[in-house]
Protein backbone atom coordinates (compact mmCIF):
# COMPACT_ATOMS: atom_id res chain seq x y z
CA MET A 1 -0.01 -77.13 -22.47
CA SER A 2 -1.97 -74.12 -21.25
CA THR A 3 -5.30 -74.62 -19.52
CA VAL A 4 -8.51 -73.08 -20.83
CA PHE A 5 -8.31 -70.58 -17.94
CA THR A 6 -4.79 -69.51 -18.93
CA LYS A 7 -6.07 -69.01 -22.48
CA ILE A 8 -8.89 -66.82 -21.14
CA ILE A 9 -6.50 -64.84 -18.91
CA ASP A 10 -4.08 -64.39 -21.84
CA GLY A 11 -6.86 -63.23 -24.17
CA GLU A 12 -6.69 -66.24 -26.50
CA PHE A 13 -10.28 -67.16 -25.54
CA PRO A 14 -12.99 -64.62 -24.68
CA GLY A 15 -13.71 -63.80 -21.06
CA THR A 16 -15.92 -61.31 -19.25
CA PHE A 17 -13.58 -59.96 -16.58
CA VAL A 18 -14.41 -58.09 -13.38
CA TRP A 19 -10.97 -58.21 -11.69
CA ARG A 20 -7.31 -58.55 -12.51
CA ASP A 21 -4.14 -58.04 -10.52
CA GLU A 22 -0.64 -59.52 -10.66
CA HIS A 23 -1.74 -62.75 -8.93
CA CYS A 24 -5.21 -63.55 -10.24
CA ALA A 25 -8.06 -62.73 -12.56
CA ALA A 26 -11.81 -63.03 -12.05
CA PHE A 27 -14.33 -63.53 -14.82
CA LEU A 28 -17.93 -64.61 -15.27
CA SER A 29 -18.68 -68.31 -15.67
CA ILE A 30 -20.05 -69.32 -19.08
CA ASN A 31 -22.01 -72.06 -17.26
CA PRO A 32 -23.38 -70.03 -14.35
CA MET A 33 -25.35 -71.50 -11.48
CA ALA A 34 -26.83 -68.03 -10.97
CA PRO A 35 -26.58 -64.57 -12.53
CA GLY A 36 -23.22 -63.06 -11.59
CA HIS A 37 -21.40 -66.39 -10.97
CA VAL A 38 -17.68 -65.50 -10.99
CA LEU A 39 -14.52 -67.61 -11.14
CA VAL A 40 -11.44 -66.32 -9.29
CA VAL A 41 -8.40 -67.91 -10.96
CA PRO A 42 -4.68 -67.58 -10.20
CA ILE A 43 -2.52 -66.48 -13.09
CA GLU A 44 -0.07 -69.20 -12.10
CA GLU A 45 -1.28 -72.62 -13.26
CA VAL A 46 -1.82 -74.55 -10.03
CA ASP A 47 -3.89 -77.69 -10.48
CA HIS A 48 -5.02 -78.40 -6.91
CA TRP A 49 -5.77 -75.48 -4.60
CA ILE A 50 -3.87 -77.05 -1.70
CA ASP A 51 -0.73 -76.89 -3.85
CA ALA A 52 -0.98 -73.09 -4.04
CA SER A 53 1.32 -71.20 -1.72
CA PRO A 54 -0.37 -70.02 1.49
CA GLU A 55 0.03 -66.44 0.25
CA LEU A 56 -1.62 -67.17 -3.10
CA ALA A 57 -4.49 -69.10 -1.49
CA ALA A 58 -5.07 -66.24 0.96
CA HIS A 59 -5.06 -63.74 -1.91
CA LEU A 60 -7.56 -65.77 -3.95
CA PHE A 61 -9.96 -65.91 -1.01
CA ALA A 62 -9.49 -62.21 -0.22
CA VAL A 63 -10.39 -61.37 -3.83
CA ALA A 64 -13.32 -63.82 -3.69
CA ARG A 65 -14.57 -62.06 -0.55
CA THR A 66 -14.27 -58.62 -2.16
CA ILE A 67 -16.16 -59.82 -5.22
CA GLY A 68 -18.75 -61.52 -3.00
CA VAL A 69 -19.50 -58.27 -1.21
CA ALA A 70 -19.97 -56.57 -4.59
CA GLN A 71 -22.19 -59.42 -5.84
CA GLN A 72 -24.44 -59.21 -2.79
CA ALA A 73 -24.86 -55.47 -3.32
CA ALA A 74 -25.40 -55.87 -7.07
CA PHE A 75 -27.86 -58.77 -7.00
CA GLY A 76 -29.54 -58.41 -3.59
CA CYS A 77 -29.05 -62.09 -2.80
CA GLU A 78 -29.20 -63.61 0.68
CA ARG A 79 -25.76 -65.25 0.62
CA ILE A 80 -22.66 -65.66 -1.49
CA GLY A 81 -21.65 -69.28 -1.89
CA VAL A 82 -18.11 -70.42 -2.56
CA ILE A 83 -17.11 -73.72 -4.13
CA VAL A 84 -13.59 -75.02 -4.75
CA ALA A 85 -14.03 -78.34 -6.52
CA GLY A 86 -11.23 -78.55 -9.05
CA TYR A 87 -12.55 -81.33 -11.23
CA GLU A 88 -13.82 -79.30 -14.17
CA VAL A 89 -10.53 -77.65 -15.20
CA PRO A 90 -7.04 -78.60 -13.93
CA HIS A 91 -6.35 -75.01 -12.83
CA THR A 92 -7.34 -73.85 -9.36
CA HIS A 93 -10.43 -71.67 -9.32
CA VAL A 94 -12.86 -70.39 -6.74
CA HIS A 95 -16.53 -70.26 -7.75
CA VAL A 96 -18.20 -67.20 -6.16
CA ILE A 97 -21.97 -67.54 -6.54
CA PRO A 98 -24.87 -65.27 -5.53
CA THR A 99 -27.54 -67.46 -3.86
CA ASN A 100 -30.81 -67.33 -1.99
CA ASP A 101 -30.99 -71.00 -1.05
CA MET A 102 -28.54 -73.84 -0.40
CA SER A 103 -30.08 -75.86 -3.24
CA GLU A 104 -28.73 -73.30 -5.73
CA LEU A 105 -25.16 -74.43 -4.98
CA SER A 106 -25.15 -77.43 -7.30
CA PHE A 107 -23.35 -77.94 -10.57
CA ALA A 108 -26.57 -79.62 -11.74
CA ASN A 109 -28.03 -76.09 -11.84
CA ALA A 110 -25.33 -74.76 -14.17
CA ALA A 111 -26.65 -73.27 -17.38
CA SER A 112 -25.48 -75.00 -20.55
CA SER A 113 -25.12 -71.61 -22.22
CA VAL A 114 -25.58 -67.93 -21.48
CA ASP A 115 -26.16 -64.86 -23.59
CA ARG A 116 -23.05 -62.69 -23.94
CA ASP A 117 -25.14 -59.56 -23.21
CA ASP A 118 -26.25 -61.09 -19.90
CA LEU A 119 -22.65 -61.80 -18.95
CA GLU A 120 -21.64 -58.22 -19.70
CA SER A 121 -24.63 -56.83 -17.79
CA TRP A 122 -23.83 -58.93 -14.73
CA ALA A 123 -20.13 -58.03 -14.96
CA GLU A 124 -20.90 -54.33 -15.15
CA ALA A 125 -23.15 -54.58 -12.07
CA ILE A 126 -20.27 -56.24 -10.16
CA ARG A 127 -17.67 -53.76 -11.47
CA THR A 128 -19.88 -50.85 -10.41
CA GLU A 129 -20.13 -52.17 -6.84
CA LEU A 130 -16.40 -52.91 -6.75
CA ARG A 131 -15.68 -49.31 -7.76
CA VAL A 132 -18.10 -47.98 -5.14
CA ALA A 133 -16.18 -50.03 -2.54
CA GLY A 134 -12.86 -48.60 -3.75
CA ALA A 135 -11.47 -51.94 -4.95
CA THR A 136 -8.19 -51.64 -6.84
CA GLY A 137 -8.33 -54.66 -9.19
CA VAL A 138 -11.44 -53.68 -11.15
CA VAL A 139 -11.10 -54.05 -14.93
């Protein structure tokens, strides 16, 4: 059975995308810890990130870094936090989160809902910075 992330990637469920290439997609979290919180998800369904091939894991983190640079420019935050937990959905995903304080990196801070217009606004800010940087996977 497909995971919720596969259904988002395949367009069966809505997603607010900022990146897509042949190996992964990146979209805004619907339960963000902060404005601009992005999930980088492999297209291949891999449950635990350590089961991903070394090449896929390296690609996911390279994309996460590229998105993080764009987030920092778009949101003016102090740091970009990264979390790979893997308990929420059985499909590897890297949380890339704009932050100004360590305390912001907690799932307890995740919003229970978010306005679709906010998601699109945050996504467009990230896409703009990705384009400025010359990134190739911008959607």
